[in-house]
All heavy atoms as atom14 arrays in JSON, in Angstrom:
{
  "sequence": "FETVHDALSELGAKTLIETVEQIKNGTAVRIKQDDALATHAAKIEK",
  "atom14_mask": [
    [1, 1, 1, 1, 1, 1, 1, 1, 1, 1, 1, 0, 0, 0],
    [1, 1, 1, 1, 1, 1, 1, 1, 1, 0, 0, 0, 0, 0],
    [1, 1, 1, 1, 1, 1, 1, 0, 0, 0, 0, 0, 0, 0],
    [1, 1, 1, 1, 1, 1, 1, 0, 0, 0, 0, 0, 0, 0],
    [1, 1, 1, 1, 1, 1, 1, 1, 1, 1, 0, 0, 0, 0],
    [1, 1, 1, 1, 1, 1, 1, 1, 0, 0, 0, 0, 0, 0],
    [1, 1, 1, 1, 1, 0, 0, 0, 0, 0, 0, 0, 0, 0],
    [1, 1, 1, 1, 1, 1, 1, 1, 0, 0, 0, 0, 0, 0],
    [1, 1, 1, 1, 1, 1, 0, 0, 0, 0, 0, 0, 0, 0],
    [1, 1, 1, 1, 1, 1, 1, 1, 1, 0, 0, 0, 0, 0],
    [1, 1, 1, 1, 1, 1, 1, 1, 0, 0, 0, 0, 0, 0],
    [1, 1, 1, 1, 0, 0, 0, 0, 0, 0, 0, 0, 0, 0],
    [1, 1, 1, 1, 1, 0, 0, 0, 0, 0, 0, 0, 0, 0],
    [1, 1, 1, 1, 1, 1, 1, 1, 1, 0, 0, 0, 0, 0],
    [1, 1, 1, 1, 1, 1, 1, 0, 0, 0, 0, 0, 0, 0],
    [1, 1, 1, 1, 1, 1, 1, 1, 0, 0, 0, 0, 0, 0],
    [1, 1, 1, 1, 1, 1, 1, 1, 0, 0, 0, 0, 0, 0],
    [1, 1, 1, 1, 1, 1, 1, 1, 1, 0, 0, 0, 0, 0],
    [1, 1, 1, 1, 1, 1, 1, 0, 0, 0, 0, 0, 0, 0],
    [1, 1, 1, 1, 1, 1, 1, 0, 0, 0, 0, 0, 0, 0],
    [1, 1, 1, 1, 1, 1, 1, 1, 1, 0, 0, 0, 0, 0],
    [1, 1, 1, 1, 1, 1, 1, 1, 1, 0, 0, 0, 0, 0],
    [1, 1, 1, 1, 1, 1, 1, 1, 0, 0, 0, 0, 0, 0],
    [1, 1, 1, 1, 1, 1, 1, 1, 1, 0, 0, 0, 0, 0],
    [1, 1, 1, 1, 1, 1, 1, 1, 0, 0, 0, 0, 0, 0],
    [1, 1, 1, 1, 0, 0, 0, 0, 0, 0, 0, 0, 0, 0],
    [1, 1, 1, 1, 1, 1, 1, 0, 0, 0, 0, 0, 0, 0],
    [1, 1, 1, 1, 1, 0, 0, 0, 0, 0, 0, 0, 0, 0],
    [1, 1, 1, 1, 1, 1, 1, 0, 0, 0, 0, 0, 0, 0],
    [1, 1, 1, 1, 1, 1, 1, 1, 1, 1, 1, 0, 0, 0],
    [1, 1, 1, 1, 1, 1, 1, 1, 0, 0, 0, 0, 0, 0],
    [1, 1, 1, 1, 1, 1, 1, 1, 1, 0, 0, 0, 0, 0],
    [1, 1, 1, 1, 1, 1, 1, 1, 1, 0, 0, 0, 0, 0],
    [1, 1, 1, 1, 1, 1, 1, 1, 0, 0, 0, 0, 0, 0],
    [1, 1, 1, 1, 1, 1, 1, 1, 0, 0, 0, 0, 0, 0],
    [1, 1, 1, 1, 1, 0, 0, 0, 0, 0, 0, 0, 0, 0],
    [1, 1, 1, 1, 1, 1, 1, 1, 0, 0, 0, 0, 0, 0],
    [1, 1, 1, 1, 1, 0, 0, 0, 0, 0, 0, 0, 0, 0],
    [1, 1, 1, 1, 1, 1, 1, 0, 0, 0, 0, 0, 0, 0],
    [1, 1, 1, 1, 1, 1, 1, 1, 1, 1, 0, 0, 0, 0],
    [1, 1, 1, 1, 1, 0, 0, 0, 0, 0, 0, 0, 0, 0],
    [1, 1, 1, 1, 1, 0, 0, 0, 0, 0, 0, 0, 0, 0],
    [1, 1, 1, 1, 1, 1, 1, 1, 1, 0, 0, 0, 0, 0],
    [1, 1, 1, 1, 1, 1, 1, 1, 0, 0, 0, 0, 0, 0],
    [1, 1, 1, 1, 1, 1, 1, 1, 1, 0, 0, 0, 0, 0],
    [1, 1, 1, 1, 1, 1, 1, 1, 1, 0, 0, 0, 0, 0]
  ],
  "atom14_positions": [
    [[-0.61, -3.46, -7.34], [0.55, -2.69, -6.9], [1.27, -2.04, -8.08], [1.69, -0.89, -8.02], [1.51, -3.59, -6.12], [2.82, -2.95, -5.77], [2.87, -1.66, -5.26], [4.01, -3.63, -5.95], [4.1, -1.06, -4.96], [5.23, -3.04, -5.64], [5.27, -1.76, -5.15], [0.0, 0.0, 0.0], [0.0, 0.0, 0.0], [0.0, 0.0, 0.0]],
    [[1.39, -2.76, -9.19], [2.1, -2.23, -10.35], [1.42, -0.98, -10.91], [2.08, 0.04, -11.16], [2.19, -3.29, -11.44], [2.93, -2.82, -12.69], [3.1, -3.91, -13.72], [2.17, -4.74, -13.88], [4.16, -3.96, -14.36], [0.0, 0.0, 0.0], [0.0, 0.0, 0.0], [0.0, 0.0, 0.0], [0.0, 0.0, 0.0], [0.0, 0.0, 0.0]],
    [[0.12, -1.03, -11.1], [-0.57, 0.11, -11.7], [-0.6, 1.32, -10.77], [-0.44, 2.47, -11.2], [-2.0, -0.27, -12.12], [-2.73, -0.74, -10.98], [-1.98, -1.37, -13.18], [0.0, 0.0, 0.0], [0.0, 0.0, 0.0], [0.0, 0.0, 0.0], [0.0, 0.0, 0.0], [0.0, 0.0, 0.0], [0.0, 0.0, 0.0], [0.0, 0.0, 0.0]],
    [[-0.79, 1.06, -9.47], [-0.79, 2.16, -8.5], [0.61, 2.75, -8.39], [0.79, 3.98, -8.36], [-1.3, 1.67, -7.12], [-1.1, 2.75, -6.06], [-2.78, 1.29, -7.21], [0.0, 0.0, 0.0], [0.0, 0.0, 0.0], [0.0, 0.0, 0.0], [0.0, 0.0, 0.0], [0.0, 0.0, 0.0], [0.0, 0.0, 0.0], [0.0, 0.0, 0.0]],
    [[1.62, 1.89, -8.32], [3.02, 2.35, -8.28], [3.33, 3.27, -9.46], [3.89, 4.36, -9.29], [3.94, 1.12, -8.3], [5.39, 1.4, -8.52], [5.92, 1.71, -9.76], [6.43, 1.44, -7.66], [7.21, 1.91, -9.65], [7.55, 1.76, -8.4], [0.0, 0.0, 0.0], [0.0, 0.0, 0.0], [0.0, 0.0, 0.0], [0.0, 0.0, 0.0]],
    [[2.97, 2.84, -10.67], [3.3, 3.63, -11.85], [2.54, 4.96, -11.87], [3.11, 6.0, -12.24], [2.99, 2.83, -13.12], [3.92, 1.64, -13.3], [4.89, 1.51, -12.51], [3.67, 0.81, -14.19], [0.0, 0.0, 0.0], [0.0, 0.0, 0.0], [0.0, 0.0, 0.0], [0.0, 0.0, 0.0], [0.0, 0.0, 0.0], [0.0, 0.0, 0.0]],
    [[1.28, 4.92, -11.46], [0.49, 6.15, -11.44], [1.03, 7.14, -10.4], [1.15, 8.34, -10.66], [-0.98, 5.84, -11.16], [0.0, 0.0, 0.0], [0.0, 0.0, 0.0], [0.0, 0.0, 0.0], [0.0, 0.0, 0.0], [0.0, 0.0, 0.0], [0.0, 0.0, 0.0], [0.0, 0.0, 0.0], [0.0, 0.0, 0.0], [0.0, 0.0, 0.0]],
    [[1.35, 6.63, -9.22], [1.83, 7.52, -8.16], [3.24, 8.04, -8.43], [3.59, 9.15, -8.0], [1.79, 6.81, -6.8], [0.41, 6.54, -6.21], [0.53, 6.08, -4.76], [-0.5, 7.75, -6.3], [0.0, 0.0, 0.0], [0.0, 0.0, 0.0], [0.0, 0.0, 0.0], [0.0, 0.0, 0.0], [0.0, 0.0, 0.0], [0.0, 0.0, 0.0]],
    [[4.05, 7.27, -9.15], [5.39, 7.76, -9.48], [5.3, 9.0, -10.37], [6.06, 9.96, -10.2], [6.23, 6.67, -10.14], [5.73, 6.33, -11.42], [0.0, 0.0, 0.0], [0.0, 0.0, 0.0], [0.0, 0.0, 0.0], [0.0, 0.0, 0.0], [0.0, 0.0, 0.0], [0.0, 0.0, 0.0], [0.0, 0.0, 0.0], [0.0, 0.0, 0.0]],
    [[4.36, 9.0, -11.31], [4.16, 10.17, -12.18], [3.49, 11.31, -11.43], [3.84, 12.48, -11.59], [3.34, 9.77, -13.41], [4.01, 8.76, -14.32], [5.28, 9.28, -14.99], [5.45, 10.53, -15.08], [6.1, 8.45, -15.43], [0.0, 0.0, 0.0], [0.0, 0.0, 0.0], [0.0, 0.0, 0.0], [0.0, 0.0, 0.0], [0.0, 0.0, 0.0]],
    [[2.5, 10.96, -10.59], [1.83, 11.98, -9.79], [2.8, 12.62, -8.8], [2.75, 13.83, -8.54], [0.65, 11.35, -9.05], [-0.27, 12.29, -8.26], [-0.9, 13.33, -9.16], [-1.35, 11.48, -7.54], [0.0, 0.0, 0.0], [0.0, 0.0, 0.0], [0.0, 0.0, 0.0], [0.0, 0.0, 0.0], [0.0, 0.0, 0.0], [0.0, 0.0, 0.0]],
    [[3.69, 11.81, -8.26], [4.7, 12.33, -7.33], [5.62, 13.32, -7.99], [6.0, 14.34, -7.4], [0.0, 0.0, 0.0], [0.0, 0.0, 0.0], [0.0, 0.0, 0.0], [0.0, 0.0, 0.0], [0.0, 0.0, 0.0], [0.0, 0.0, 0.0], [0.0, 0.0, 0.0], [0.0, 0.0, 0.0], [0.0, 0.0, 0.0], [0.0, 0.0, 0.0]],
    [[6.01, 13.02, -9.23], [6.89, 13.93, -9.97], [6.21, 15.28, -10.17], [6.81, 16.35, -9.93], [7.25, 13.31, -11.32], [0.0, 0.0, 0.0], [0.0, 0.0, 0.0], [0.0, 0.0, 0.0], [0.0, 0.0, 0.0], [0.0, 0.0, 0.0], [0.0, 0.0, 0.0], [0.0, 0.0, 0.0], [0.0, 0.0, 0.0], [0.0, 0.0, 0.0]],
    [[4.95, 15.25, -10.59], [4.19, 16.49, -10.84], [4.04, 17.3, -9.53], [4.22, 18.53, -9.53], [2.83, 16.13, -11.41], [1.91, 17.32, -11.68], [0.62, 16.83, -12.33], [-0.34, 17.99, -12.63], [-0.88, 18.6, -11.4], [0.0, 0.0, 0.0], [0.0, 0.0, 0.0], [0.0, 0.0, 0.0], [0.0, 0.0, 0.0], [0.0, 0.0, 0.0]],
    [[3.72, 16.6, -8.45], [3.49, 17.27, -7.18], [4.78, 17.87, -6.63], [4.78, 18.95, -6.03], [2.88, 16.28, -6.17], [1.74, 15.66, -6.75], [2.45, 16.99, -4.9], [0.0, 0.0, 0.0], [0.0, 0.0, 0.0], [0.0, 0.0, 0.0], [0.0, 0.0, 0.0], [0.0, 0.0, 0.0], [0.0, 0.0, 0.0], [0.0, 0.0, 0.0]],
    [[5.9, 17.18, -6.84], [7.19, 17.68, -6.37], [7.56, 18.98, -7.08], [8.04, 19.93, -6.45], [8.27, 16.62, -6.55], [9.68, 16.88, -6.0], [10.55, 17.69, -6.93], [9.65, 17.51, -4.61], [0.0, 0.0, 0.0], [0.0, 0.0, 0.0], [0.0, 0.0, 0.0], [0.0, 0.0, 0.0], [0.0, 0.0, 0.0], [0.0, 0.0, 0.0]],
    [[7.34, 19.02, -8.39], [7.67, 20.24, -9.13], [6.83, 21.42, -8.62], [7.35, 22.53, -8.44], [7.45, 20.03, -10.65], [8.4, 18.96, -11.18], [7.64, 21.34, -11.41], [9.86, 19.24, -10.92], [0.0, 0.0, 0.0], [0.0, 0.0, 0.0], [0.0, 0.0, 0.0], [0.0, 0.0, 0.0], [0.0, 0.0, 0.0], [0.0, 0.0, 0.0]],
    [[5.55, 21.18, -8.36], [4.7, 22.23, -7.8], [5.21, 22.67, -6.42], [5.21, 23.86, -6.09], [3.26, 21.73, -7.68], [2.59, 21.46, -9.03], [1.22, 20.83, -8.87], [0.76, 20.69, -7.7], [0.6, 20.46, -9.88], [0.0, 0.0, 0.0], [0.0, 0.0, 0.0], [0.0, 0.0, 0.0], [0.0, 0.0, 0.0], [0.0, 0.0, 0.0]],
    [[5.67, 21.69, -5.64], [6.19, 21.98, -4.3], [7.44, 22.85, -4.37], [7.58, 23.84, -3.64], [6.5, 20.66, -3.57], [5.31, 19.87, -3.47], [7.03, 20.94, -2.17], [0.0, 0.0, 0.0], [0.0, 0.0, 0.0], [0.0, 0.0, 0.0], [0.0, 0.0, 0.0], [0.0, 0.0, 0.0], [0.0, 0.0, 0.0], [0.0, 0.0, 0.0]],
    [[8.37, 22.5, -5.25], [9.61, 23.27, -5.4], [9.3, 24.71, -5.82], [9.89, 25.66, -5.3], [10.55, 22.6, -6.42], [11.74, 23.5, -6.75], [11.05, 21.26, -5.89], [0.0, 0.0, 0.0], [0.0, 0.0, 0.0], [0.0, 0.0, 0.0], [0.0, 0.0, 0.0], [0.0, 0.0, 0.0], [0.0, 0.0, 0.0], [0.0, 0.0, 0.0]],
    [[8.34, 24.86, -6.73], [7.98, 26.21, -7.18], [7.44, 27.03, -6.02], [7.77, 28.21, -5.87], [6.95, 26.12, -8.31], [7.52, 25.72, -9.65], [8.6, 26.69, -10.12], [8.34, 27.92, -10.09], [9.68, 26.24, -10.5], [0.0, 0.0, 0.0], [0.0, 0.0, 0.0], [0.0, 0.0, 0.0], [0.0, 0.0, 0.0], [0.0, 0.0, 0.0]],
    [[6.6, 26.42, -5.19], [6.04, 27.15, -4.05], [7.12, 27.53, -3.04], [7.1, 28.64, -2.49], [4.96, 26.31, -3.37], [3.68, 26.2, -4.17], [2.54, 25.59, -3.37], [2.66, 25.34, -2.17], [1.41, 25.36, -4.03], [0.0, 0.0, 0.0], [0.0, 0.0, 0.0], [0.0, 0.0, 0.0], [0.0, 0.0, 0.0], [0.0, 0.0, 0.0]],
    [[8.05, 26.63, -2.81], [9.15, 26.95, -1.9], [9.98, 28.1, -2.44], [10.37, 29.03, -1.72], [10.02, 25.7, -1.65], [9.22, 24.65, -0.85], [11.3, 26.06, -0.9], [9.9, 23.32, -0.72], [0.0, 0.0, 0.0], [0.0, 0.0, 0.0], [0.0, 0.0, 0.0], [0.0, 0.0, 0.0], [0.0, 0.0, 0.0], [0.0, 0.0, 0.0]],
    [[10.26, 28.08, -3.74], [11.08, 29.13, -4.36], [10.4, 30.5, -4.29], [11.06, 31.52, -4.04], [11.36, 28.78, -5.81], [12.4, 27.69, -5.99], [12.46, 27.19, -7.42], [12.83, 28.25, -8.41], [12.93, 27.72, -9.79], [0.0, 0.0, 0.0], [0.0, 0.0, 0.0], [0.0, 0.0, 0.0], [0.0, 0.0, 0.0], [0.0, 0.0, 0.0]],
    [[9.07, 30.52, -4.5], [8.41, 31.83, -4.52], [7.81, 32.23, -3.16], [7.1, 33.23, -3.06], [7.35, 31.9, -5.63], [6.23, 30.89, -5.45], [5.87, 30.54, -4.33], [5.68, 30.41, -6.57], [0.0, 0.0, 0.0], [0.0, 0.0, 0.0], [0.0, 0.0, 0.0], [0.0, 0.0, 0.0], [0.0, 0.0, 0.0], [0.0, 0.0, 0.0]],
    [[8.07, 31.41, -2.15], [7.69, 31.78, -0.8], [6.24, 31.56, -0.44], [5.76, 32.09, 0.57], [0.0, 0.0, 0.0], [0.0, 0.0, 0.0], [0.0, 0.0, 0.0], [0.0, 0.0, 0.0], [0.0, 0.0, 0.0], [0.0, 0.0, 0.0], [0.0, 0.0, 0.0], [0.0, 0.0, 0.0], [0.0, 0.0, 0.0], [0.0, 0.0, 0.0]],
    [[5.52, 30.75, -1.24], [4.1, 30.53, -0.96], [3.82, 29.16, -0.32], [2.67, 28.83, -0.05], [3.27, 30.64, -2.25], [3.72, 29.65, -3.19], [3.4, 32.02, -2.86], [0.0, 0.0, 0.0], [0.0, 0.0, 0.0], [0.0, 0.0, 0.0], [0.0, 0.0, 0.0], [0.0, 0.0, 0.0], [0.0, 0.0, 0.0], [0.0, 0.0, 0.0]],
    [[4.86, 28.37, -0.07], [4.66, 27.04, 0.51], [4.12, 27.16, 1.93], [4.56, 28.0, 2.72], [5.97, 26.26, 0.51], [0.0, 0.0, 0.0], [0.0, 0.0, 0.0], [0.0, 0.0, 0.0], [0.0, 0.0, 0.0], [0.0, 0.0, 0.0], [0.0, 0.0, 0.0], [0.0, 0.0, 0.0], [0.0, 0.0, 0.0], [0.0, 0.0, 0.0]],
    [[3.15, 26.3, 2.24], [2.53, 26.3, 3.57], [2.84, 24.97, 4.26], [2.54, 23.9, 3.73], [1.0, 26.49, 3.47], [0.37, 26.42, 4.86], [0.67, 27.8, 2.79], [0.0, 0.0, 0.0], [0.0, 0.0, 0.0], [0.0, 0.0, 0.0], [0.0, 0.0, 0.0], [0.0, 0.0, 0.0], [0.0, 0.0, 0.0], [0.0, 0.0, 0.0]],
    [[3.45, 25.05, 5.43], [3.76, 23.85, 6.2], [2.53, 23.44, 7.01], [1.93, 24.26, 7.69], [4.94, 24.09, 7.14], [6.21, 24.52, 6.44], [7.33, 24.8, 7.43], [7.84, 23.57, 8.03], [9.13, 23.24, 8.03], [10.04, 24.05, 7.48], [9.53, 22.12, 8.61], [0.0, 0.0, 0.0], [0.0, 0.0, 0.0], [0.0, 0.0, 0.0]],
    [[2.17, 22.15, 6.92], [1.01, 21.63, 7.65], [1.47, 20.5, 8.55], [2.0, 19.49, 8.09], [-0.07, 21.11, 6.68], [-0.47, 22.2, 5.69], [-1.28, 20.58, 7.44], [-1.3, 21.71, 4.54], [0.0, 0.0, 0.0], [0.0, 0.0, 0.0], [0.0, 0.0, 0.0], [0.0, 0.0, 0.0], [0.0, 0.0, 0.0], [0.0, 0.0, 0.0]],
    [[1.29, 20.68, 9.86], [1.71, 19.65, 10.8], [0.8, 18.42, 10.68], [-0.4, 18.53, 10.45], [1.68, 20.17, 12.24], [2.8, 21.17, 12.52], [2.98, 21.38, 14.01], [4.19, 22.26, 14.28], [5.44, 21.63, 13.83], [0.0, 0.0, 0.0], [0.0, 0.0, 0.0], [0.0, 0.0, 0.0], [0.0, 0.0, 0.0], [0.0, 0.0, 0.0]],
    [[1.4, 17.26, 10.84], [0.62, 16.02, 10.8], [-0.05, 15.78, 12.15], [0.5, 16.11, 13.2], [1.53, 14.83, 10.49], [2.15, 14.87, 9.1], [2.83, 13.57, 8.76], [2.3, 12.48, 8.98], [4.03, 13.67, 8.19], [0.0, 0.0, 0.0], [0.0, 0.0, 0.0], [0.0, 0.0, 0.0], [0.0, 0.0, 0.0], [0.0, 0.0, 0.0]],
    [[-1.24, 15.2, 12.08], [-1.96, 14.8, 13.29], [-1.54, 13.37, 13.61], [-1.99, 12.41, 12.97], [-3.47, 14.88, 13.06], [-4.28, 14.57, 14.31], [-3.69, 14.06, 15.29], [-5.5, 14.81, 14.3], [0.0, 0.0, 0.0], [0.0, 0.0, 0.0], [0.0, 0.0, 0.0], [0.0, 0.0, 0.0], [0.0, 0.0, 0.0], [0.0, 0.0, 0.0]],
    [[-0.69, 13.21, 14.6], [-0.17, 11.88, 14.92], [-1.27, 10.91, 15.35], [-1.12, 9.7, 15.21], [0.87, 11.99, 16.04], [2.15, 12.68, 15.58], [2.38, 12.74, 14.36], [2.91, 13.16, 16.44], [0.0, 0.0, 0.0], [0.0, 0.0, 0.0], [0.0, 0.0, 0.0], [0.0, 0.0, 0.0], [0.0, 0.0, 0.0], [0.0, 0.0, 0.0]],
    [[-2.37, 11.44, 15.84], [-3.47, 10.57, 16.27], [-4.11, 9.85, 15.09], [-4.78, 8.82, 15.27], [-4.52, 11.39, 17.02], [0.0, 0.0, 0.0], [0.0, 0.0, 0.0], [0.0, 0.0, 0.0], [0.0, 0.0, 0.0], [0.0, 0.0, 0.0], [0.0, 0.0, 0.0], [0.0, 0.0, 0.0], [0.0, 0.0, 0.0], [0.0, 0.0, 0.0]],
    [[-3.92, 10.38, 13.89], [-4.5, 9.77, 12.69], [-3.49, 8.89, 11.94], [-3.82, 8.32, 10.89], [-5.03, 10.86, 11.75], [-6.1, 11.78, 12.31], [-6.45, 12.85, 11.28], [-7.34, 10.99, 12.72], [0.0, 0.0, 0.0], [0.0, 0.0, 0.0], [0.0, 0.0, 0.0], [0.0, 0.0, 0.0], [0.0, 0.0, 0.0], [0.0, 0.0, 0.0]],
    [[-2.3, 8.78, 12.47], [-1.24, 8.08, 11.76], [-1.46, 6.57, 11.76], [-1.92, 5.98, 12.74], [0.11, 8.4, 12.39], [0.0, 0.0, 0.0], [0.0, 0.0, 0.0], [0.0, 0.0, 0.0], [0.0, 0.0, 0.0], [0.0, 0.0, 0.0], [0.0, 0.0, 0.0], [0.0, 0.0, 0.0], [0.0, 0.0, 0.0], [0.0, 0.0, 0.0]],
    [[-1.13, 5.94, 10.62], [-1.08, 4.48, 10.53], [0.27, 4.1, 9.94], [0.93, 4.9, 9.29], [-2.22, 3.92, 9.65], [-2.15, 4.55, 8.35], [-3.57, 4.2, 10.26], [0.0, 0.0, 0.0], [0.0, 0.0, 0.0], [0.0, 0.0, 0.0], [0.0, 0.0, 0.0], [0.0, 0.0, 0.0], [0.0, 0.0, 0.0], [0.0, 0.0, 0.0]],
    [[0.66, 2.85, 10.19], [2.0, 2.41, 9.79], [1.92, 1.41, 8.65], [1.13, 0.47, 8.7], [2.71, 1.79, 10.98], [4.12, 1.35, 10.68], [5.07, 2.21, 10.17], [4.73, 0.14, 10.8], [6.21, 1.55, 10.0], [6.03, 0.3, 10.37], [0.0, 0.0, 0.0], [0.0, 0.0, 0.0], [0.0, 0.0, 0.0], [0.0, 0.0, 0.0]],
    [[2.74, 1.62, 7.63], [2.8, 0.72, 6.47], [4.11, -0.08, 6.54], [5.11, 0.3, 5.95], [2.73, 1.52, 5.16], [0.0, 0.0, 0.0], [0.0, 0.0, 0.0], [0.0, 0.0, 0.0], [0.0, 0.0, 0.0], [0.0, 0.0, 0.0], [0.0, 0.0, 0.0], [0.0, 0.0, 0.0], [0.0, 0.0, 0.0], [0.0, 0.0, 0.0]],
    [[4.07, -1.16, 7.3], [5.27, -1.94, 7.53], [5.76, -2.6, 6.25], [4.99, -2.88, 5.33], [5.0, -3.02, 8.58], [0.0, 0.0, 0.0], [0.0, 0.0, 0.0], [0.0, 0.0, 0.0], [0.0, 0.0, 0.0], [0.0, 0.0, 0.0], [0.0, 0.0, 0.0], [0.0, 0.0, 0.0], [0.0, 0.0, 0.0], [0.0, 0.0, 0.0]],
    [[7.06, -2.85, 6.2], [7.67, -3.56, 5.08], [6.96, -4.9, 4.87], [6.54, -5.56, 5.83], [9.15, -3.8, 5.39], [9.9, -4.57, 4.34], [11.35, -4.8, 4.78], [12.09, -5.66, 3.77], [13.49, -5.95, 4.22], [0.0, 0.0, 0.0], [0.0, 0.0, 0.0], [0.0, 0.0, 0.0], [0.0, 0.0, 0.0], [0.0, 0.0, 0.0]],
    [[6.8, -5.31, 3.62], [6.15, -6.58, 3.3], [7.11, -7.73, 3.61], [8.23, -7.79, 3.08], [5.73, -6.64, 1.82], [4.75, -5.5, 1.49], [5.12, -8.0, 1.5], [3.42, -5.57, 2.18], [0.0, 0.0, 0.0], [0.0, 0.0, 0.0], [0.0, 0.0, 0.0], [0.0, 0.0, 0.0], [0.0, 0.0, 0.0], [0.0, 0.0, 0.0]],
    [[6.69, -8.63, 4.47], [7.47, -9.8, 4.83], [6.85, -11.04, 4.18], [5.69, -11.02, 3.75], [7.53, -9.98, 6.34], [8.06, -8.77, 7.11], [9.55, -8.54, 6.9], [10.22, -9.38, 6.26], [10.05, -7.51, 7.39], [0.0, 0.0, 0.0], [0.0, 0.0, 0.0], [0.0, 0.0, 0.0], [0.0, 0.0, 0.0], [0.0, 0.0, 0.0]],
    [[7.61, -12.13, 4.15], [7.13, -13.35, 3.5], [5.83, -13.83, 4.11], [4.91, -14.27, 3.4], [8.19, -14.45, 3.58], [7.8, -15.72, 2.83], [8.9, -16.77, 2.84], [8.46, -18.02, 2.09], [9.52, -19.07, 2.08], [0.0, 0.0, 0.0], [0.0, 0.0, 0.0], [0.0, 0.0, 0.0], [0.0, 0.0, 0.0], [0.0, 0.0, 0.0]]
  ]
}
């Protein structure tokens, strides 16, 4: 969890900046989620 958390936190930052740029210049594309493929990541309990 620690290594994946740290890697995704940095990857998330990079992806967010790309996202903001696309929104600003009008090239962002909205993609609807397919609810049939959804899975749930419940909070970790004891």
